[in-house]
Amino acid sequence: MNGTAVRRALREFALVAVLFLAYKAGRLLVDGHVTEAMNNAGAIWHFERVLHLPNEADLQTALLSHEFWMRVVNCFYAYVHFPATAVALIWMYVKKPETYVWMRRTLASLTAFALVIHAVFPLAPPRMLPWAGIVDTGRLLGPSVYGSPDTDTLSNQYAAMPSLHVGWAVVVALALMATTNGWKRWLWIAHPVITLIVVVVTGNHYWVDAIAVLGLIVIVGALVPRPGAVTVPAQRLAPASTVSRTPDYPRRK
């Protein structure tokens, strides 16, 4: 890999790192709004009942008796979200630079919009509502991602809506579907579906959090050019080894 390719890779790494740090920095947006977040949680819970959405507590209770699978679900929540997104970004950068540009822009835009909503509408997750019959499965069985909300300075625990866990999983699936041929492309839908079940069962999100992020993805999709319409030449992002070179032929005198 030559110097230019290294600089490109480092630049892209820095851009993605900023994206992940912005996601984590959302904790600063909710300082002093804990009461508001809890009140909003009660309103959302009752709103879901008005819509006759399935009760998150019922789904969680059905799985709590299966300790092994609950630990698997907790591990998925703890260890799949960021790594899966990072691996997909790296794969696209190396193999499908045009789709990578779309994916990065979509993730960045989606995260930016979500952070604004998190600041305007702080929302405590279902696991903080003992009166709703939901428990924190991470603390109960492990592994636990979050510490006490009062002392946790690394994550925003009052940012349930929209669910970026589900949103990022959908973007990853869309990118992989666009670069997979045949019927196998539809298998990638399993990633956001499993993610949705996981975030609900673990008590980290409401159903409407996923509905909200899907609506946000539609808006972002209208703003970000599709892979085929991206104006940035793929050669600018592709590693040097993947860029085809035209042989130099001697000019005629």
Protein backbone atom coordinates (compact mmCIF):
# COMPACT_ATOMS: atom_id res chain seq x y z
CA MET A 1 0.00 0.00 0.00
CA ASN A 2 1.54 3.33 -1.07
CA GLY A 3 1.58 6.58 0.88
CA THR A 4 -1.51 8.00 -0.81
CA ALA A 5 -3.56 4.92 0.00
CA VAL A 6 -2.39 5.03 3.61
CA ARG A 7 -3.44 8.68 3.92
CA ARG A 8 -6.86 7.85 2.44
CA ALA A 9 -7.33 4.98 4.86
CA LEU A 10 -6.28 7.13 7.84
CA ARG A 11 -8.64 9.91 6.77
CA GLU A 12 -11.56 7.51 6.50
CA PHE A 13 -10.64 5.95 9.84
CA ALA A 14 -10.68 9.41 11.42
CA LEU A 15 -14.08 10.22 9.92
CA VAL A 16 -15.60 6.97 11.18
CA ALA A 17 -13.96 7.47 14.59
CA VAL A 18 -15.64 10.88 14.84
CA LEU A 19 -18.94 9.20 14.03
CA PHE A 20 -18.52 6.68 16.85
CA LEU A 21 -17.33 9.35 19.31
CA ALA A 22 -20.32 11.55 18.46
CA TYR A 23 -22.55 8.60 19.24
CA LYS A 24 -20.93 8.26 22.66
CA ALA A 25 -20.79 12.00 23.33
CA GLY A 26 -24.57 12.16 23.40
CA ARG A 27 -24.33 11.60 27.17
CA LEU A 28 -23.56 15.31 27.58
CA LEU A 29 -26.85 16.27 25.95
CA VAL A 30 -29.08 14.89 28.72
CA ASP A 31 -27.38 16.24 31.84
CA GLY A 32 -30.10 17.68 34.04
CA HIS A 33 -32.95 16.10 32.06
CA VAL A 34 -33.36 12.81 33.92
CA THR A 35 -36.81 13.66 35.28
CA GLU A 36 -37.94 14.69 31.82
CA ALA A 37 -36.59 11.41 30.40
CA MET A 38 -38.55 9.39 32.95
CA ASN A 39 -41.74 11.34 32.32
CA ASN A 40 -41.33 10.82 28.58
CA ALA A 41 -40.87 7.10 29.20
CA GLY A 42 -44.23 6.90 30.95
CA ALA A 43 -45.88 8.80 28.11
CA ILE A 44 -44.34 6.50 25.48
CA TRP A 45 -45.36 3.38 27.39
CA HIS A 46 -48.99 4.48 27.58
CA PHE A 47 -48.92 5.66 23.95
CA GLU A 48 -47.87 2.17 22.86
CA ARG A 49 -50.80 0.69 24.76
CA VAL A 50 -53.14 3.08 22.96
CA LEU A 51 -51.70 1.81 19.67
CA HIS A 52 -52.19 -1.79 20.90
CA LEU A 53 -48.54 -2.63 20.24
CA PRO A 54 -47.26 -5.87 21.81
CA ASN A 55 -46.25 -5.48 25.43
CA GLU A 56 -42.44 -5.53 25.72
CA ALA A 57 -42.74 -7.06 29.19
CA ASP A 58 -44.61 -10.08 27.80
CA LEU A 59 -41.86 -10.81 25.29
CA GLN A 60 -39.15 -10.45 27.90
CA THR A 61 -40.98 -12.65 30.41
CA ALA A 62 -41.37 -15.40 27.82
CA LEU A 63 -37.58 -15.61 27.41
CA LEU A 64 -36.41 -14.96 30.96
CA SER A 65 -36.97 -18.60 31.90
CA HIS A 66 -34.38 -19.63 29.27
CA GLU A 67 -31.22 -18.40 30.98
CA PHE A 68 -28.81 -19.62 28.27
CA TRP A 69 -30.62 -17.80 25.49
CA MET A 70 -31.00 -14.69 27.59
CA ARG A 71 -27.23 -14.63 28.06
CA VAL A 72 -26.84 -15.04 24.29
CA VAL A 73 -29.20 -12.11 23.75
CA ASN A 74 -27.26 -9.99 26.25
CA CYS A 75 -23.97 -10.87 24.51
CA PHE A 76 -25.46 -9.90 21.15
CA TYR A 77 -26.45 -6.52 22.54
CA ALA A 78 -23.06 -5.99 24.16
CA TYR A 79 -20.70 -7.28 21.46
CA VAL A 80 -22.36 -7.16 18.03
CA HIS A 81 -23.61 -3.59 17.47
CA PHE A 82 -20.34 -1.67 17.04
CA PRO A 83 -18.15 -4.52 15.68
CA ALA A 84 -20.70 -5.53 13.03
CA THR A 85 -20.98 -1.95 11.82
CA ALA A 86 -17.20 -1.48 11.80
CA VAL A 87 -16.60 -4.74 9.91
CA ALA A 88 -19.25 -3.82 7.33
CA LEU A 89 -17.66 -0.40 6.83
CA ILE A 90 -14.20 -1.91 6.35
CA TRP A 91 -15.57 -4.50 3.92
CA MET A 92 -17.30 -1.81 1.86
CA TYR A 93 -14.22 0.39 1.89
CA VAL A 94 -12.06 -2.41 0.50
CA LYS A 95 -14.50 -4.14 -1.84
CA LYS A 96 -17.26 -1.64 -2.69
CA PRO A 97 -15.93 1.93 -2.31
CA GLU A 98 -19.00 3.52 -3.91
CA THR A 99 -21.34 1.78 -1.48
CA TYR A 100 -18.97 2.63 1.36
CA VAL A 101 -19.39 6.36 0.64
CA TRP A 102 -23.17 5.98 0.76
CA MET A 103 -23.00 3.91 3.94
CA ARG A 104 -20.72 6.36 5.74
CA ARG A 105 -22.81 9.35 4.76
CA THR A 106 -26.03 7.60 5.74
CA LEU A 107 -24.70 6.52 9.13
CA ALA A 108 -23.34 9.99 9.82
CA SER A 109 -26.59 11.72 8.82
CA LEU A 110 -28.73 9.24 10.74
CA THR A 111 -26.60 9.66 13.86
CA ALA A 112 -26.67 13.46 13.62
CA PHE A 113 -30.46 13.56 13.34
CA ALA A 114 -30.79 11.04 16.18
CA LEU A 115 -28.55 13.09 18.49
CA VAL A 116 -30.78 16.11 17.96
CA ILE A 117 -33.85 14.04 18.87
CA HIS A 118 -32.03 12.62 21.90
CA ALA A 119 -31.37 16.17 23.09
CA VAL A 120 -34.89 17.44 22.42
CA PHE A 121 -36.69 14.32 23.63
CA PRO A 122 -34.66 12.45 26.28
CA LEU A 123 -36.22 9.06 26.91
CA ALA A 124 -35.46 6.48 29.59
CA PRO A 125 -35.43 2.87 28.33
CA PRO A 126 -37.99 0.29 29.50
CA ARG A 127 -35.44 -1.37 31.82
CA MET A 128 -35.68 1.75 34.01
CA LEU A 129 -39.42 1.28 34.50
CA PRO A 130 -39.88 -1.36 37.21
CA TRP A 131 -43.60 -0.57 37.36
CA ALA A 132 -43.88 -1.81 33.75
CA GLY A 133 -42.70 -5.30 34.73
CA ILE A 134 -39.42 -5.07 32.81
CA VAL A 135 -36.01 -5.90 34.25
CA ASP A 136 -32.47 -5.05 33.19
CA THR A 137 -31.40 -8.44 31.80
CA GLY A 138 -27.79 -7.29 31.51
CA ARG A 139 -27.53 -6.67 35.23
CA LEU A 140 -29.60 -9.73 36.06
CA LEU A 141 -27.67 -12.31 34.03
CA GLY A 142 -24.76 -10.46 32.40
CA PRO A 143 -22.90 -9.25 30.58
CA SER A 144 -23.97 -5.71 31.45
CA VAL A 145 -23.10 -2.86 29.12
CA TYR A 146 -24.11 0.02 31.35
CA GLY A 147 -23.24 1.11 34.83
CA SER A 148 -25.44 3.14 37.12
CA PRO A 149 -27.13 5.96 35.16
CA ASP A 150 -26.00 8.42 37.84
CA THR A 151 -22.30 7.64 37.41
CA ASP A 152 -22.10 6.49 33.78
CA THR A 153 -20.08 9.10 31.87
CA LEU A 154 -19.43 6.97 28.79
CA SER A 155 -22.90 6.51 27.34
CA ASN A 156 -26.25 8.23 27.06
CA GLN A 157 -28.71 5.94 28.80
CA TYR A 158 -31.59 8.33 28.18
CA ALA A 159 -31.48 8.11 24.40
CA ALA A 160 -33.96 5.36 23.67
CA MET A 161 -35.65 7.13 20.76
CA PRO A 162 -34.77 6.64 18.00
CA SER A 163 -32.92 3.35 18.35
CA LEU A 164 -29.54 3.70 16.68
CA HIS A 165 -28.95 0.01 17.38
CA VAL A 166 -31.79 -0.79 15.01
CA GLY A 167 -30.99 2.10 12.67
CA TRP A 168 -27.36 1.15 12.14
CA ALA A 169 -28.35 -2.50 11.68
CA VAL A 170 -30.79 -1.50 8.94
CA VAL A 171 -28.12 0.58 7.15
CA VAL A 172 -25.65 -2.31 7.38
CA ALA A 173 -28.26 -4.68 5.95
CA LEU A 174 -29.15 -2.30 3.11
CA ALA A 175 -25.49 -1.90 2.14
CA LEU A 176 -24.87 -5.65 2.18
CA MET A 177 -28.07 -6.35 0.26
CA ALA A 178 -27.00 -3.87 -2.42
CA THR A 179 -23.71 -5.71 -2.88
CA THR A 180 -25.01 -9.31 -2.71
CA ASN A 181 -26.40 -11.15 -5.69
CA GLY A 182 -29.40 -13.46 -5.89
CA TRP A 183 -31.72 -14.61 -3.16
CA LYS A 184 -28.94 -14.56 -0.57
CA ARG A 185 -29.21 -10.80 -0.30
CA TRP A 186 -32.47 -11.18 1.61
CA LEU A 187 -30.69 -13.08 4.37
CA TRP A 188 -29.13 -9.81 5.55
CA ILE A 189 -32.57 -8.70 6.77
CA ALA A 190 -31.99 -11.08 9.68
CA HIS A 191 -29.48 -8.63 11.18
CA PRO A 192 -31.91 -5.76 11.90
CA VAL A 193 -34.72 -8.19 12.78
CA ILE A 194 -32.56 -9.95 15.39
CA THR A 195 -31.30 -6.59 16.62
CA LEU A 196 -34.86 -5.37 17.12
CA ILE A 197 -35.79 -8.45 19.14
CA VAL A 198 -32.60 -8.13 21.20
CA VAL A 199 -33.04 -4.46 22.12
CA VAL A 200 -36.65 -5.07 23.16
CA VAL A 201 -36.02 -8.28 25.11
CA THR A 202 -33.12 -6.72 27.01
CA GLY A 203 -35.33 -3.79 28.01
CA ASN A 204 -33.26 -1.20 26.17
CA HIS A 205 -35.84 0.00 23.66
CA TYR A 206 -39.53 0.32 22.97
CA TRP A 207 -41.18 -0.81 19.73
CA VAL A 208 -41.77 2.82 18.77
CA ASP A 209 -38.02 3.50 18.98
CA ALA A 210 -37.57 1.20 15.99
CA ILE A 211 -40.54 2.73 14.17
CA ALA A 212 -39.07 6.19 14.73
CA VAL A 213 -35.66 5.25 13.36
CA LEU A 214 -37.20 3.65 10.27
CA GLY A 215 -38.97 6.92 9.54
CA LEU A 216 -35.69 8.76 10.05
CA ILE A 217 -33.94 6.39 7.63
CA VAL A 218 -36.54 7.24 4.98
CA ILE A 219 -35.77 10.95 5.45
CA VAL A 220 -32.01 10.39 5.36
CA GLY A 221 -32.42 8.18 2.30
CA ALA A 222 -34.02 11.08 0.47
CA LEU A 223 -31.09 13.33 1.33
CA VAL A 224 -28.11 11.03 0.73
CA PRO A 225 -27.42 10.06 -2.91
CA ARG A 226 -27.74 6.35 -3.60
CA PRO A 227 -24.55 4.38 -4.35
CA GLY A 228 -25.05 4.63 -8.10
CA ALA A 229 -25.49 8.38 -7.85
CA VAL A 230 -22.53 9.14 -5.59
CA THR A 231 -20.36 11.71 -7.33
CA VAL A 232 -17.13 10.88 -5.52
CA PRO A 233 -15.05 8.66 -7.84
CA ALA A 234 -14.59 5.19 -6.38
CA GLN A 235 -10.88 5.40 -7.22
CA ARG A 236 -10.45 8.09 -4.56
CA LEU A 237 -11.43 5.66 -1.84
CA ALA A 238 -10.29 2.31 -3.18
CA PRO A 239 -7.03 0.92 -1.83
CA ALA A 240 -4.16 1.22 -4.25
CA SER A 241 -4.14 -2.52 -4.92
CA THR A 242 -7.74 -2.44 -6.14
CA VAL A 243 -7.44 0.52 -8.49
CA SER A 244 -6.91 -0.62 -12.05
CA ARG A 245 -4.07 1.02 -13.84
CA THR A 246 -4.04 1.79 -17.52
CA PRO A 247 -0.73 0.82 -19.08
CA ASP A 248 1.36 3.63 -20.43
CA TYR A 249 1.66 3.28 -24.17
CA PRO A 250 4.33 5.25 -26.04
CA ARG A 251 2.94 8.29 -27.81
CA ARG A 252 3.18 8.47 -31.57
CA LYS A 253 5.47 11.12 -32.85
